């Protein structure tokens, strides 16, 4: 029977959690983003809200990658988020052009 490292050494690994490990946005950080971009009172999944949340996540990850240059797996996730945001933006531009224009101005995209 294989024993775990904890059983063999008798010492638990109690390293402190890294403070810069904040790559996800919390529900409290998401709430004002949703409130600023929703179409009606119960809206939490419209195209505008999804784009705004993805933009917030992308912006929060950029600081992580400045500190962790070799995190290639995380970089792949970032690229997937960017491409999903681009697909949503393309859809919004094709269906509702005026909403697309106001959203990219509000979010500061496409300088």
Protein backbone atom coordinates (compact mmCIF):
# COMPACT_ATOMS: atom_id res chain seq x y z
CA UNK A 1 0.00 0.00 0.00
CA UNK A 2 1.35 3.40 -0.96
CA UNK A 3 1.49 6.01 1.73
CA UNK A 4 0.98 9.66 1.08
CA UNK A 5 3.70 12.19 1.72
CA UNK A 6 1.81 13.41 4.77
CA UNK A 7 1.79 9.94 6.33
CA UNK A 8 5.46 9.24 5.67
CA UNK A 9 6.93 12.52 6.84
CA UNK A 10 4.55 13.22 9.71
CA UNK A 11 4.60 16.92 8.84
CA UNK A 12 1.78 18.72 7.12
CA UNK A 13 2.46 21.11 4.31
CA UNK A 14 1.25 24.39 5.76
CA UNK A 15 2.54 26.97 3.32
CA UNK A 16 0.78 30.30 3.42
CA UNK A 17 -1.55 30.99 0.52
CA UNK A 18 -0.15 33.34 -2.08
CA UNK A 19 -1.78 36.73 -2.01
CA UNK A 20 -1.35 37.38 -5.73
CA UNK A 21 -3.37 34.24 -6.55
CA UNK A 22 -6.41 36.38 -7.40
CA UNK A 23 -7.21 35.32 -10.94
CA UNK A 24 -10.96 34.92 -10.66
CA UNK A 25 -13.37 37.73 -10.01
CA UNK A 26 -15.69 37.24 -7.07
CA UNK A 27 -19.43 37.62 -6.97
CA UNK A 28 -19.02 40.96 -5.18
CA UNK A 29 -16.81 42.22 -8.03
CA UNK A 30 -19.23 40.86 -10.64
CA UNK A 31 -22.34 42.54 -9.19
CA UNK A 32 -21.48 46.16 -10.16
CA UNK A 33 -20.41 45.03 -13.64
CA UNK A 34 -23.73 43.26 -14.13
CA UNK A 35 -25.66 46.23 -12.74
CA UNK A 36 -23.91 48.65 -15.10
CA UNK A 37 -24.56 46.64 -18.27
CA UNK A 38 -27.87 44.84 -17.79
CA UNK A 39 -30.87 45.52 -20.00
CA UNK A 40 -33.57 45.03 -17.35
CA UNK A 41 -33.83 44.34 -13.61
CA UNK A 42 -33.34 40.57 -13.74
CA UNK A 43 -30.80 40.48 -16.58
CA UNK A 44 -27.62 38.59 -15.75
CA UNK A 45 -26.80 36.78 -19.00
CA UNK A 46 -27.39 39.07 -21.96
CA UNK A 47 -24.65 39.53 -24.51
CA UNK A 48 -23.62 42.89 -23.07
CA UNK A 49 -23.32 41.47 -19.55
CA UNK A 50 -21.31 38.46 -20.76
CA UNK A 51 -18.90 40.74 -22.66
CA UNK A 52 -18.50 43.03 -19.65
CA UNK A 53 -17.77 40.11 -17.29
CA UNK A 54 -15.25 38.61 -19.72
CA UNK A 55 -13.56 42.01 -20.04
CA UNK A 56 -13.30 42.27 -16.26
CA UNK A 57 -11.79 38.77 -16.03
CA UNK A 58 -9.33 39.51 -18.84
CA UNK A 59 -8.22 42.74 -17.18
CA UNK A 60 -7.71 41.00 -13.84
CA UNK A 61 -5.64 38.25 -15.48
CA UNK A 62 -3.27 40.69 -17.16
CA UNK A 63 -1.73 41.62 -13.81
CA UNK A 64 -1.31 37.92 -13.02
CA UNK A 65 0.65 37.34 -16.22
CA UNK A 66 2.98 40.25 -15.54
CA UNK A 67 4.02 38.49 -12.34
CA UNK A 68 3.91 34.93 -13.72
CA UNK A 69 5.46 35.06 -17.17
CA UNK A 70 5.75 31.27 -17.57
CA UNK A 71 2.14 30.41 -16.78
CA UNK A 72 1.37 29.06 -20.24
CA UNK A 73 -1.66 27.01 -19.22
CA UNK A 74 -3.27 30.11 -17.75
CA UNK A 75 -2.34 32.06 -20.86
CA UNK A 76 -4.27 29.52 -22.93
CA UNK A 77 -7.32 30.17 -20.76
CA UNK A 78 -6.86 33.90 -21.30
CA UNK A 79 -6.74 33.41 -25.07
CA UNK A 80 -9.92 31.33 -24.92
CA UNK A 81 -11.65 34.14 -22.99
CA UNK A 82 -10.46 36.75 -25.50
CA UNK A 83 -11.73 34.69 -28.43
CA UNK A 84 -15.09 34.11 -26.73
CA UNK A 85 -15.41 37.85 -26.10
CA UNK A 86 -14.58 38.52 -29.76
CA UNK A 87 -17.29 36.08 -30.89
CA UNK A 88 -19.83 37.76 -28.62
CA UNK A 89 -18.78 41.20 -29.86
CA UNK A 90 -19.11 40.05 -33.48
CA UNK A 91 -22.61 38.72 -32.75
CA UNK A 92 -23.62 41.97 -31.07
CA UNK A 93 -22.23 44.02 -33.96
CA UNK A 94 -24.23 41.98 -36.47
CA UNK A 95 -27.51 42.06 -34.56
CA UNK A 96 -27.57 45.42 -32.74
CA UNK A 97 -24.97 47.84 -34.08
CA UNK A 98 -25.87 50.80 -31.84
CA UNK A 99 -25.63 48.68 -28.68
CA UNK A 100 -22.26 47.38 -29.89
CA UNK A 101 -20.94 50.92 -30.39
CA UNK A 102 -22.07 52.10 -26.98
CA UNK A 103 -20.68 48.99 -25.25
CA UNK A 104 -17.18 49.26 -26.71
CA UNK A 105 -17.07 52.94 -25.73
CA UNK A 106 -18.22 52.09 -22.20
CA UNK A 107 -15.67 49.29 -21.81
CA UNK A 108 -12.82 51.14 -23.52
CA UNK A 109 -12.28 48.51 -26.21
CA UNK A 110 -11.08 49.11 -29.79
CA UNK A 111 -9.22 52.39 -29.39
